[in-house]
Amino acid sequence: MNGADALVATLHANGIDLVFANAGTSEMHVVAALDGVPDLRPVLCLFEGVATGAADGYARVSGDVAATLLHLGPGLANGWANLHNARRAGVPVLNVVGVHPDAHDRLDPPLSSRVSQLAASLGGAVTTVHRTADVPAAAAQAITGARHPRAQVSTLLVPADVAWSPFGPAPRRWPAVAAHEPVAPAADDVVRAIGWLRTGRAALVVGGSLSASDLSRAATVVGATGARLLVETFPTIMDHGASTPSPERIVYLSDFAVPQLSGLDRVVLAGAAEPVGFFAYPDLPSRLLGAQCQVLDLCGNGADPATALADLAAAAGTGPGPGGATPPPAVPSGPLTPLTFAAAVAATVPEGAVVVDEANTGGVHLYDALAAAAPHRLMTLTGGAIGFGLPAALGAALGSHGPVIALVADGALQYTAQALWSLAREDLDVTVVVVANATYDILRLERARLGPLPTSGASHLLTDLGAPVIDHVSLARAYGVPARRVESADELVTALARRAVGHTGPELIEVPLAPLAL
């Protein structure tokens, strides 16, 4: 038994049964160790950003640690954007990164880098194993970092010589990390929050991972207090659909979010951060709440959001019950528009599905349309770094073992198109719907703030994806995924309905939409 064997055994002893990998030479002993533990399944990803995004999606649906296996600093750097999304989503991800032995690294070989600094920039625990005998304890420490009460992206750096050196006989028991007990908010904060919410110009803002029970408790609180119920723009994952309360979503664009929130004097946060603009603008405030608005963060001391909502609901008492039954979504017909696209998805989503939304400008109506759909779980682009949708769908399918619908904008798909190959290799029940408007439409919108959009020059060249047009059907087939293009809402409904009735395996559906009229 060597250090790599001890590492894999410790991961397996802590319930990690899947690793999203793009390994290299420094990780070959870990790869060999995986051969000896058939219950720890490796999933090959053709790009590190796919591996890290898949780990994010897996962690969101499972609620437990997802692991990656990455190669040195460049491998971690290639996966950094989706690790940023995981960090902002507050989900537990463990990166195992092979690095050079110290004696070799001092010679400054070509792939040498400041990998520990890169890992530390993610804000979670960074653990380096210096001796083979310390592998189990170091791995347990890294898992503990990921399972922090406020879940984190944790990184374990494993020098190649630590992996290949003899470990000795296996211990009777590998170190196991217990889950953290949820922390309750301070009782005084709960009392103060209820007082705030009864003032008439207040809101409860929820976010993070939200179960149907969490949302029902939040609805109880606002029903008893008369406050507004809001959800952050991009929650980690939430139960959604008919019979589940659907909070008002904070608008993405600051121009609309500022007036949306302007009437509030007091805001109570439960699992959400204070709403601020995604970007700075010369004529808009960065803080979306009014200057005099007070904010109370119930989870600022590390309290568990679900516990905070339960305590709030208990303190609030009873209020009006939920409204009557929501009528099912109408089946759309006719041309494809953002409205008919959203309606088609809502009318066909199978009960229990995970919906990954990275449709961006093409998906502006999805949240409201899906509120009446069959019960499902909705996952959104929490960190804002695009290239999330396809990898997250890969991880979600492996973590939920149910149907997944990935709604992905054409520009975002190109960041991590390699995930299509992994979907085909794993034969996963994932329907990829590509919203194809042949532009970086959000950038066209932002450029339009500065004046009329030119039809040539840099502004056009840097926002246009139509020359040449990307053939998503051929691209998907090249990666082994069956694909089709639809031309109307009727065809989209038919294609999605066919998928919803007993069909498994991946498929891509290309949906052409016109760019926003600006």
Protein backbone atom coordinates (compact mmCIF):
# COMPACT_ATOMS: atom_id res chain seq x y z
CA MET A 1 0.00 0.00 0.00
CA ASN A 2 1.30 3.45 -0.94
CA GLY A 3 0.18 6.98 -0.20
CA ALA A 4 -2.22 7.04 -3.14
CA ASP A 5 -3.92 3.88 -1.86
CA ALA A 6 -4.30 5.48 1.58
CA LEU A 7 -5.78 8.61 0.00
CA VAL A 8 -8.38 6.71 -2.03
CA ALA A 9 -9.28 4.53 0.96
CA THR A 10 -9.84 7.61 3.13
CA LEU A 11 -12.02 9.27 0.50
CA HIS A 12 -14.10 6.11 0.19
CA ALA A 13 -14.42 5.76 3.98
CA ASN A 14 -15.92 9.25 4.03
CA GLY A 15 -18.70 8.46 1.59
CA ILE A 16 -17.03 9.86 -1.52
CA ASP A 17 -17.98 7.37 -4.20
CA LEU A 18 -17.40 9.42 -7.35
CA VAL A 19 -14.58 11.61 -8.61
CA PHE A 20 -14.67 13.93 -11.64
CA ALA A 21 -11.22 13.66 -13.14
CA ASN A 22 -8.83 15.08 -15.66
CA ALA A 23 -5.62 13.57 -14.37
CA GLY A 24 -2.01 13.85 -15.54
CA THR A 25 1.36 12.30 -14.82
CA SER A 26 1.51 13.55 -11.22
CA GLU A 27 -1.75 11.76 -10.42
CA MET A 28 -1.00 8.37 -12.03
CA HIS A 29 -0.52 6.64 -8.69
CA VAL A 30 -3.92 7.95 -7.57
CA VAL A 31 -5.44 6.67 -10.83
CA ALA A 32 -3.87 3.26 -10.17
CA ALA A 33 -5.21 3.31 -6.61
CA LEU A 34 -8.74 3.88 -7.96
CA ASP A 35 -8.40 0.54 -9.76
CA GLY A 36 -8.38 -1.12 -6.35
CA VAL A 37 -11.64 0.49 -5.15
CA PRO A 38 -14.35 -0.34 -7.71
CA ASP A 39 -16.98 1.41 -5.57
CA LEU A 40 -15.24 4.77 -6.09
CA ARG A 41 -16.25 5.64 -9.63
CA PRO A 42 -14.10 7.91 -11.80
CA VAL A 43 -15.82 10.11 -14.39
CA LEU A 44 -13.50 11.29 -17.14
CA CYS A 45 -13.98 14.91 -18.21
CA LEU A 46 -12.16 16.26 -21.27
CA PHE A 47 -11.57 19.66 -19.67
CA GLU A 48 -11.00 20.62 -16.06
CA GLY A 49 -13.79 23.20 -16.19
CA VAL A 50 -16.16 20.34 -16.93
CA ALA A 51 -14.84 18.35 -13.95
CA THR A 52 -15.23 21.24 -11.52
CA GLY A 53 -18.65 22.27 -12.87
CA ALA A 54 -19.82 18.67 -12.63
CA ALA A 55 -18.62 18.52 -9.04
CA ASP A 56 -20.60 21.68 -8.32
CA GLY A 57 -23.77 20.20 -9.85
CA TYR A 58 -23.29 16.91 -8.00
CA ALA A 59 -22.80 18.68 -4.67
CA ARG A 60 -25.88 20.86 -5.22
CA VAL A 61 -28.25 17.94 -5.78
CA SER A 62 -26.68 15.51 -3.29
CA GLY A 63 -25.89 17.99 -0.53
CA ASP A 64 -22.59 16.21 0.12
CA VAL A 65 -18.96 16.50 -0.89
CA ALA A 66 -18.11 16.14 -4.57
CA ALA A 67 -14.51 15.38 -5.50
CA THR A 68 -12.30 16.32 -8.43
CA LEU A 69 -8.89 14.99 -9.48
CA LEU A 70 -6.84 17.69 -11.23
CA HIS A 71 -3.32 18.06 -12.61
CA LEU A 72 -1.01 20.64 -11.06
CA GLY A 73 -1.60 24.39 -11.11
CA PRO A 74 -2.68 24.66 -14.76
CA GLY A 75 -5.32 21.96 -14.22
CA LEU A 76 -6.69 23.78 -11.19
CA ALA A 77 -6.56 27.06 -13.13
CA ASN A 78 -8.54 25.53 -16.00
CA GLY A 79 -11.22 24.53 -13.52
CA TRP A 80 -11.21 27.76 -11.51
CA ALA A 81 -14.26 29.50 -13.03
CA ASN A 82 -16.66 26.72 -12.08
CA LEU A 83 -14.99 26.40 -8.69
CA HIS A 84 -15.83 30.09 -8.28
CA ASN A 85 -19.47 29.21 -8.99
CA ALA A 86 -19.32 26.42 -6.41
CA ARG A 87 -17.79 28.78 -3.85
CA ARG A 88 -20.51 31.36 -4.39
CA ALA A 89 -23.14 28.60 -4.22
CA GLY A 90 -21.79 27.44 -0.85
CA VAL A 91 -21.50 23.78 -1.78
CA PRO A 92 -18.88 21.29 -0.57
CA VAL A 93 -16.28 20.48 -3.23
CA LEU A 94 -12.95 18.74 -2.60
CA ASN A 95 -10.20 19.16 -5.18
CA VAL A 96 -7.40 16.59 -5.11
CA VAL A 97 -4.51 18.14 -7.02
CA GLY A 98 -1.30 16.31 -7.78
CA VAL A 99 1.80 18.50 -7.47
CA HIS A 100 5.53 18.12 -7.92
CA PRO A 101 7.72 16.79 -5.09
CA ASP A 102 9.52 19.65 -3.34
CA ALA A 103 12.95 18.58 -4.63
CA HIS A 104 11.66 18.55 -8.20
CA ASP A 105 9.65 21.77 -7.86
CA ARG A 106 12.76 23.66 -6.72
CA LEU A 107 14.22 23.05 -10.18
CA ASP A 108 11.32 25.05 -11.69
CA PRO A 109 10.09 22.47 -14.22
CA PRO A 110 7.76 23.71 -17.00
CA LEU A 111 4.48 22.99 -15.17
CA SER A 112 5.60 24.46 -11.87
CA SER A 113 3.33 27.24 -10.51
CA ARG A 114 2.13 28.84 -7.30
CA VAL A 115 -0.64 26.28 -6.99
CA SER A 116 -1.24 26.78 -3.27
CA GLN A 117 -1.89 30.49 -3.81
CA LEU A 118 -4.27 29.71 -6.65
CA ALA A 119 -6.14 27.25 -4.42
CA ALA A 120 -6.22 29.72 -1.52
CA SER A 121 -7.88 32.31 -3.75
CA LEU A 122 -11.04 30.15 -3.61
CA GLY A 123 -11.35 31.01 0.08
CA GLY A 124 -11.60 27.45 1.43
CA ALA A 125 -9.16 25.18 3.22
CA VAL A 126 -5.89 24.32 1.45
CA THR A 127 -4.05 21.27 2.83
CA THR A 128 -0.68 20.02 1.62
CA VAL A 129 0.48 16.49 2.51
CA HIS A 130 4.17 16.53 3.36
CA ARG A 131 4.62 12.91 4.51
CA THR A 132 3.03 9.72 3.26
CA ALA A 133 2.16 8.71 6.82
CA ASP A 134 0.05 11.87 7.09
CA VAL A 135 -2.14 11.14 4.04
CA PRO A 136 -5.24 9.88 5.91
CA ALA A 137 -5.22 12.74 8.41
CA ALA A 138 -4.61 15.33 5.68
CA ALA A 139 -7.40 13.92 3.52
CA ALA A 140 -9.77 13.96 6.50
CA GLN A 141 -8.76 17.56 7.22
CA ALA A 142 -9.52 18.55 3.63
CA ILE A 143 -12.91 16.82 3.75
CA THR A 144 -13.62 18.63 7.02
CA GLY A 145 -12.85 21.88 5.24
CA ALA A 146 -15.35 21.10 2.51
CA ARG A 147 -17.99 20.05 5.05
CA HIS A 148 -17.60 23.29 6.98
CA PRO A 149 -20.98 24.57 8.31
CA ARG A 150 -20.82 27.13 5.50
CA ALA A 151 -19.73 24.65 2.81
CA GLN A 152 -16.52 25.47 1.01
CA VAL A 153 -14.26 24.55 -1.87
CA SER A 154 -11.41 22.67 -0.19
CA THR A 155 -8.16 21.68 -1.90
CA LEU A 156 -5.78 18.84 -1.04
CA LEU A 157 -2.33 19.11 -2.64
CA VAL A 158 -0.65 15.72 -2.99
CA PRO A 159 3.03 15.68 -4.07
CA ALA A 160 3.78 12.81 -6.43
CA ASP A 161 6.43 11.32 -4.12
CA VAL A 162 3.93 11.26 -1.24
CA ALA A 163 1.57 9.31 -3.49
CA TRP A 164 4.12 6.76 -4.67
CA SER A 165 5.95 6.17 -1.36
CA PRO A 166 5.06 3.13 0.83
CA PHE A 167 2.40 3.80 3.44
CA GLY A 168 2.55 0.57 5.41
CA PRO A 169 -0.29 -1.70 6.51
CA ALA A 170 -3.81 -0.35 6.37
CA PRO A 171 -5.17 0.80 9.74
CA ARG A 172 -8.17 -0.92 11.25
CA ARG A 173 -10.24 2.13 10.47
CA TRP A 174 -9.63 5.06 8.16
CA PRO A 175 -10.41 8.48 9.65
CA ALA A 176 -14.04 9.47 9.04
CA VAL A 177 -15.40 13.00 9.23
CA ALA A 178 -18.82 13.46 10.79
CA ALA A 179 -21.26 15.95 9.32
CA HIS A 180 -21.52 19.23 11.20
CA GLU A 181 -24.55 19.75 13.39
CA PRO A 182 -26.64 22.67 12.09
CA VAL A 183 -26.13 25.91 13.97
CA ALA A 184 -29.22 27.86 15.06
CA PRO A 185 -29.39 31.65 14.76
CA ALA A 186 -29.26 33.72 17.95
CA ALA A 187 -32.66 33.77 19.65
CA ASP A 188 -32.50 37.57 20.00
CA ASP A 189 -31.94 37.89 16.23
CA VAL A 190 -35.02 35.78 15.52
CA VAL A 191 -37.17 37.97 17.78
CA ARG A 192 -35.74 41.12 16.21
CA ALA A 193 -36.30 39.73 12.70
CA ILE A 194 -39.99 39.07 13.40
CA GLY A 195 -40.37 42.61 14.74
CA TRP A 196 -38.75 44.00 11.60
CA LEU A 197 -40.91 41.92 9.30
CA ARG A 198 -44.09 43.24 10.93
CA THR A 199 -43.24 46.88 10.16
CA GLY A 200 -44.99 46.90 6.77
CA ARG A 201 -42.00 47.98 4.63
CA ALA A 202 -39.88 44.88 5.11
CA ALA A 203 -38.85 41.77 3.23
CA LEU A 204 -37.50 38.32 3.97
CA VAL A 205 -34.84 37.41 1.39
CA VAL A 206 -33.98 33.72 1.07
CA GLY A 207 -31.28 31.98 -0.91
CA GLY A 208 -28.86 29.10 -1.14
CA SER A 209 -30.30 25.58 -1.20
CA LEU A 210 -34.04 25.80 -0.61
CA SER A 211 -36.27 22.78 -0.05
CA ALA A 212 -40.05 22.85 -0.36
CA SER A 213 -40.18 22.84 3.46
CA ASP A 214 -37.87 25.86 3.62
CA LEU A 215 -40.04 27.76 1.15
CA SER A 216 -43.24 26.80 2.98
CA ARG A 217 -41.78 28.10 6.24
CA ALA A 218 -40.72 31.32 4.53
CA ALA A 219 -44.25 31.69 3.16
CA THR A 220 -45.64 31.12 6.66
CA VAL A 221 -43.42 33.90 8.01
CA VAL A 222 -44.49 36.48 5.43
CA GLY A 223 -48.12 35.39 5.70
CA ALA A 224 -48.04 36.04 9.46
CA THR A 225 -46.06 39.29 9.28
CA GLY A 226 -47.22 40.94 6.06
CA ALA A 227 -43.67 41.22 4.73
CA ARG A 228 -42.57 40.55 1.14
CA LEU A 229 -40.83 37.28 0.27
CA LEU A 230 -37.90 37.55 -2.14
CA VAL A 231 -35.33 35.08 -3.41
CA GLU A 232 -31.84 35.98 -4.54
CA THR A 233 -31.32 36.25 -8.29
CA PHE A 234 -29.38 33.00 -8.66
CA PRO A 235 -30.11 30.57 -5.79
CA THR A 236 -27.93 27.45 -5.49
CA ILE A 237 -30.81 25.00 -5.96
CA MET A 238 -34.46 25.24 -4.99
CA ASP A 239 -37.60 23.17 -5.07
CA HIS A 240 -39.90 24.82 -7.58
CA GLY A 241 -43.14 24.23 -9.41
CA ALA A 242 -46.79 23.67 -8.57
CA SER A 243 -47.64 23.41 -4.84
CA THR A 244 -44.35 25.02 -3.80
CA PRO A 245 -44.26 28.73 -2.84
CA SER A 246 -42.44 30.74 -5.51
CA PRO A 247 -40.84 33.87 -4.04
CA GLU A 248 -40.47 37.05 -6.04
CA ARG A 249 -37.04 36.87 -7.67
CA ILE A 250 -34.66 39.81 -7.40
CA VAL A 251 -34.11 41.11 -10.93
CA TYR A 252 -30.68 40.62 -12.48
CA LEU A 253 -30.34 44.07 -14.04
CA SER A 254 -29.66 46.86 -11.55
CA ASP A 255 -31.89 49.23 -13.53
CA PHE A 256 -34.91 47.13 -12.53
CA ALA A 257 -33.69 45.78 -9.19
CA VAL A 258 -33.29 49.24 -7.66
CA PRO A 259 -36.96 50.23 -8.12
CA GLN A 260 -38.02 46.67 -7.20
CA LEU A 261 -36.37 47.06 -3.78
CA SER A 262 -36.76 50.81 -3.29
CA GLY A 263 -39.79 50.60 -0.95
CA LEU A 264 -38.01 48.53 1.70
CA ASP A 265 -36.85 49.93 5.02
CA ARG A 266 -35.77 46.65 6.61
CA VAL A 267 -34.54 43.38 5.12
CA VAL A 268 -33.98 40.05 6.87
CA LEU A 269 -31.58 37.65 5.13
CA ALA A 270 -31.84 33.86 5.52
CA GLY A 271 -29.25 32.08 3.38
CA ALA A 272 -28.90 35.01 0.99
CA ALA A 273 -26.34 37.80 0.74
CA GLU A 274 -27.36 41.43 0.74
CA PRO A 275 -28.42 42.21 -2.85
CA VAL A 276 -25.86 44.26 -4.74
CA GLY A 277 -25.45 44.97 -8.43
CA PHE A 278 -23.66 42.37 -10.52
CA PHE A 279 -21.63 45.19 -12.07
CA ALA A 280 -20.85 48.82 -11.35
CA TYR A 281 -22.44 51.53 -13.50
CA PRO A 282 -21.71 55.26 -13.56
CA ASP A 283 -25.35 56.20 -12.94
CA LEU A 284 -26.61 53.40 -10.69
CA PRO A 285 -25.87 52.52 -7.04
CA SER A 286 -23.93 49.33 -6.35
CA ARG A 287 -26.02 48.70 -3.23
CA LEU A 288 -29.48 47.82 -4.54
CA LEU A 289 -31.27 48.55 -1.27
CA GLY A 290 -31.98 52.16 -0.37
CA ALA A 291 -29.36 54.02 1.63
CA GLN A 292 -31.52 53.98 4.78
CA CYS A 293 -32.54 50.31 4.53
CA GLN A 294 -31.40 48.22 7.51
CA VAL A 295 -30.23 44.64 7.01
CA LEU A 296 -30.25 41.74 9.48
CA ASP A 297 -28.40 38.59 8.40
CA LEU A 298 -29.77 35.67 10.43
CA CYS A 299 -27.01 33.40 9.18
CA GLY A 300 -24.12 35.81 9.54
CA ASN A 301 -22.78 33.84 12.50
CA GLY A 302 -22.66 30.62 10.48
CA ALA A 303 -26.23 29.63 11.29
CA ASP A 304 -27.91 27.06 9.07
CA PRO A 305 -30.49 28.73 6.77
CA ALA A 306 -33.02 25.89 7.08
CA THR A 307 -32.81 26.12 10.87
CA ALA A 308 -33.17 29.90 10.68
CA LEU A 309 -36.36 29.61 8.61
CA ALA A 310 -37.78 26.98 10.97
CA ASP A 311 -37.09 29.23 13.96
CA LEU A 312 -38.61 32.22 12.17
CA ALA A 313 -41.75 30.27 11.30
CA ALA A 314 -42.14 29.06 14.88
CA ALA A 315 -41.79 32.62 16.19
CA ALA A 316 -44.11 34.17 13.59
CA GLY A 317 -47.14 32.03 14.37
CA THR A 318 -49.78 31.28 11.77
CA GLY A 319 -50.86 33.41 8.88
CA PRO A 320 -52.94 33.05 5.73
CA GLY A 321 -52.50 29.68 4.06
CA PRO A 322 -51.24 29.28 0.49
CA GLY A 323 -53.51 30.28 -2.35
CA GLY A 324 -55.61 27.94 -4.45
CA ALA A 325 -54.27 25.36 -6.85
CA THR A 326 -52.15 26.77 -9.67
CA PRO A 327 -53.50 25.90 -13.13
CA PRO A 328 -51.09 23.82 -15.20
CA PRO A 329 -49.01 25.67 -17.78
CA ALA A 330 -50.67 26.21 -21.14
CA VAL A 331 -49.04 24.38 -24.04
CA PRO A 332 -47.68 27.02 -26.44
CA SER A 333 -47.95 27.05 -30.21
CA GLY A 334 -46.56 29.14 -33.01
CA PRO A 335 -43.22 30.91 -33.40
CA LEU A 336 -40.34 30.45 -30.97
CA THR A 337 -39.93 33.44 -28.65
CA PRO A 338 -38.58 33.71 -25.10
CA LEU A 339 -42.20 33.43 -23.88
CA THR A 340 -43.12 30.34 -25.92
CA PHE A 341 -39.75 28.76 -25.14
CA ALA A 342 -40.36 29.12 -21.39
CA ALA A 343 -43.94 27.89 -21.75
CA ALA A 344 -42.83 24.79 -23.67
CA VAL A 345 -40.33 23.85 -20.99
CA ALA A 346 -42.88 24.46 -18.21
CA ALA A 347 -45.56 22.40 -19.96
CA THR A 348 -43.31 19.35 -20.41
CA VAL A 349 -40.87 19.21 -17.50
CA PRO A 350 -41.20 15.78 -15.85
CA GLU A 351 -42.00 15.64 -12.14
CA GLY A 352 -38.87 15.26 -10.05
CA ALA A 353 -36.53 16.56 -12.74
CA VAL A 354 -33.57 18.83 -12.10
CA VAL A 355 -33.67 21.91 -14.33
CA VAL A 356 -30.31 23.63 -14.84
CA ASP A 357 -30.88 27.17 -16.07
CA GLU A 358 -28.07 28.86 -17.98
CA ALA A 359 -30.34 30.12 -20.75
CA ASN A 360 -29.35 33.68 -19.82
CA THR A 361 -31.18 36.29 -21.91
CA GLY A 362 -33.22 33.61 -23.67
CA GLY A 363 -34.52 32.41 -20.32
CA VAL A 364 -35.89 35.63 -18.85
CA HIS A 365 -39.38 34.12 -18.51
CA LEU A 366 -38.36 30.68 -17.24
CA TYR A 367 -38.60 31.25 -13.49
CA ASP A 368 -42.17 32.53 -13.61
CA ALA A 369 -43.31 29.96 -16.17
CA LEU A 370 -41.83 27.07 -14.18
CA ALA A 371 -43.67 28.16 -11.03
CA ALA A 372 -46.76 26.37 -12.38
CA ALA A 373 -44.88 23.36 -13.80
CA ALA A 374 -44.66 19.87 -12.34
CA PRO A 375 -42.58 19.89 -9.12
CA HIS A 376 -38.88 19.99 -9.94
CA ARG A 377 -35.58 21.34 -8.61
CA LEU A 378 -34.17 24.49 -10.20
CA MET A 379 -30.43 25.13 -10.31
CA THR A 380 -29.08 28.53 -11.40
CA LEU A 381 -25.83 30.27 -12.26
CA THR A 382 -24.98 31.36 -8.72
CA GLY A 383 -21.49 32.71 -9.31
CA GLY A 384 -22.22 34.26 -12.69
CA ALA A 385 -19.28 32.58 -14.49
CA ILE A 386 -20.73 31.09 -17.67
CA GLY A 387 -19.86 27.60 -18.87
CA PHE A 388 -21.72 26.15 -15.90
CA GLY A 389 -24.84 24.60 -17.41
CA LEU A 390 -23.56 21.52 -19.23
CA PRO A 391 -21.09 20.40 -16.54
CA ALA A 392 -23.62 21.05 -13.76
CA ALA A 393 -26.14 18.90 -15.63
CA LEU A 394 -23.55 16.10 -15.85
CA GLY A 395 -22.99 16.22 -12.10
CA ALA A 396 -26.69 16.61 -11.32
CA ALA A 397 -27.57 13.53 -13.36
CA LEU A 398 -25.00 11.45 -11.49
CA GLY A 399 -26.08 12.85 -8.12
CA SER A 400 -29.85 12.68 -8.54
CA HIS A 401 -30.27 9.56 -10.71
CA GLY A 402 -33.27 11.21 -12.39
CA PRO A 403 -33.98 13.26 -15.51
CA VAL A 404 -32.09 16.51 -15.98
CA ILE A 405 -32.94 19.35 -18.34
CA ALA A 406 -30.07 21.71 -19.14
CA LEU A 407 -31.17 25.01 -20.66
CA VAL A 408 -28.01 26.57 -22.03
CA ALA A 409 -27.32 29.70 -24.06
CA ASP A 410 -25.25 29.11 -27.19
CA GLY A 411 -22.39 31.33 -26.08
CA ALA A 412 -22.20 29.69 -22.65
CA LEU A 413 -22.25 26.19 -24.16
CA GLN A 414 -19.02 26.83 -26.03
CA TYR A 415 -17.08 27.31 -22.79
CA THR A 416 -17.57 23.69 -21.78
CA ALA A 417 -18.93 21.87 -24.85
CA GLN A 418 -16.65 18.94 -23.97
CA ALA A 419 -19.22 17.97 -21.31
CA LEU A 420 -21.34 16.55 -24.14
CA TRP A 421 -18.81 13.76 -24.56
CA SER A 422 -19.03 12.83 -20.87
CA LEU A 423 -22.84 12.84 -21.06
CA ALA A 424 -22.64 10.36 -23.94
CA ARG A 425 -19.95 8.22 -22.27
CA GLU A 426 -21.99 7.93 -19.06
CA ASP A 427 -25.28 7.53 -21.00
CA LEU A 428 -27.08 10.01 -18.76
CA ASP A 429 -30.73 11.08 -18.96
CA VAL A 430 -29.95 14.71 -19.78
CA THR A 431 -31.87 16.83 -22.26
CA VAL A 432 -29.72 19.73 -23.42
CA VAL A 433 -31.74 22.61 -24.87
CA VAL A 434 -29.49 25.12 -26.60
CA VAL A 435 -30.97 28.60 -26.86
CA ALA A 436 -29.31 29.77 -30.06
CA ASN A 437 -29.50 33.47 -30.88
CA ALA A 438 -26.00 33.62 -32.41
CA THR A 439 -24.93 36.54 -30.20
CA TYR A 440 -23.53 37.36 -26.81
CA ASP A 441 -26.88 39.02 -26.21
CA ILE A 442 -26.22 40.29 -22.70
CA LEU A 443 -23.14 42.10 -24.02
CA ARG A 444 -25.23 43.68 -26.78
CA LEU A 445 -27.57 44.91 -24.06
CA GLU A 446 -24.71 46.35 -22.03
CA ARG A 447 -23.13 47.95 -25.11
CA ALA A 448 -26.48 49.56 -25.96
CA ARG A 449 -26.24 51.58 -22.73
CA LEU A 450 -23.48 53.59 -24.41
CA GLY A 451 -25.41 54.45 -27.54
CA PRO A 452 -26.78 52.88 -30.74
CA LEU A 453 -25.34 49.45 -31.56
CA PRO A 454 -23.01 49.64 -34.57
CA THR A 455 -23.35 46.98 -37.26
CA SER A 456 -19.59 46.76 -37.75
CA GLY A 457 -16.41 47.44 -35.84
CA ALA A 458 -15.26 46.08 -32.50
CA SER A 459 -18.66 46.26 -30.79
CA HIS A 460 -20.17 44.03 -33.47
CA LEU A 461 -17.20 41.68 -33.77
CA LEU A 462 -17.04 41.06 -30.02
CA THR A 463 -20.75 40.31 -29.57
CA ASP A 464 -21.66 38.44 -32.78
CA LEU A 465 -21.60 34.61 -32.94
CA GLY A 466 -23.18 34.32 -36.36
CA ALA A 467 -20.18 34.36 -38.68
CA PRO A 468 -19.79 31.45 -38.99
CA VAL A 469 -23.02 30.07 -37.50
CA ILE A 470 -22.34 27.30 -34.97
CA ASP A 471 -24.02 24.04 -35.92
CA HIS A 472 -24.94 22.68 -32.49
CA VAL A 473 -26.60 19.59 -33.95
CA SER A 474 -23.41 18.50 -35.70
CA LEU A 475 -21.32 19.47 -32.67
CA ALA A 476 -23.41 17.28 -30.37
CA ARG A 477 -23.33 14.35 -32.78
CA ALA A 478 -19.55 14.65 -33.02
CA TYR A 479 -19.42 14.12 -29.25
CA GLY A 480 -21.79 11.14 -29.47
CA VAL A 481 -25.02 12.89 -28.42
CA PRO A 482 -28.13 12.55 -30.63
CA ALA A 483 -29.38 15.98 -31.66
CA ARG A 484 -32.12 17.81 -33.53
CA ARG A 485 -33.17 21.37 -34.33
CA VAL A 486 -36.72 22.61 -33.88
CA GLU A 487 -38.26 25.55 -35.70
CA SER A 488 -41.46 26.25 -33.75
CA ALA A 489 -42.93 26.08 -30.26
CA ASP A 490 -45.04 23.12 -31.42
CA GLU A 491 -41.93 21.18 -32.48
CA LEU A 492 -40.20 22.02 -29.20
CA VAL A 493 -43.17 20.77 -27.17
CA THR A 494 -43.22 17.54 -29.17
CA ALA A 495 -39.48 17.01 -28.73
CA LEU A 496 -39.54 17.71 -24.99
CA ALA A 497 -42.68 15.63 -24.42
CA ARG A 498 -41.06 12.66 -26.15
CA ARG A 499 -38.08 13.02 -23.83
CA ALA A 500 -40.33 13.15 -20.78
CA VAL A 501 -41.97 9.78 -21.50
CA GLY A 502 -39.57 6.99 -20.75
CA HIS A 503 -36.69 8.07 -22.99
CA THR A 504 -33.23 7.89 -21.46
CA GLY A 505 -29.76 8.82 -22.60
CA PRO A 506 -28.59 12.29 -23.59
CA GLU A 507 -30.06 14.37 -26.38
CA LEU A 508 -29.53 17.93 -27.59
CA ILE A 509 -32.30 20.14 -28.97
CA GLU A 510 -31.31 23.37 -30.71
CA VAL A 511 -33.85 26.19 -30.29
CA PRO A 512 -33.29 29.24 -32.52
CA LEU A 513 -34.37 32.52 -30.94
CA ALA A 514 -34.02 36.05 -32.25
CA PRO A 515 -31.66 38.32 -30.30
CA LEU A 516 -33.22 40.91 -28.00
CA ALA A 517 -34.71 43.88 -29.80
CA LEU A 518 -32.61 46.81 -28.61
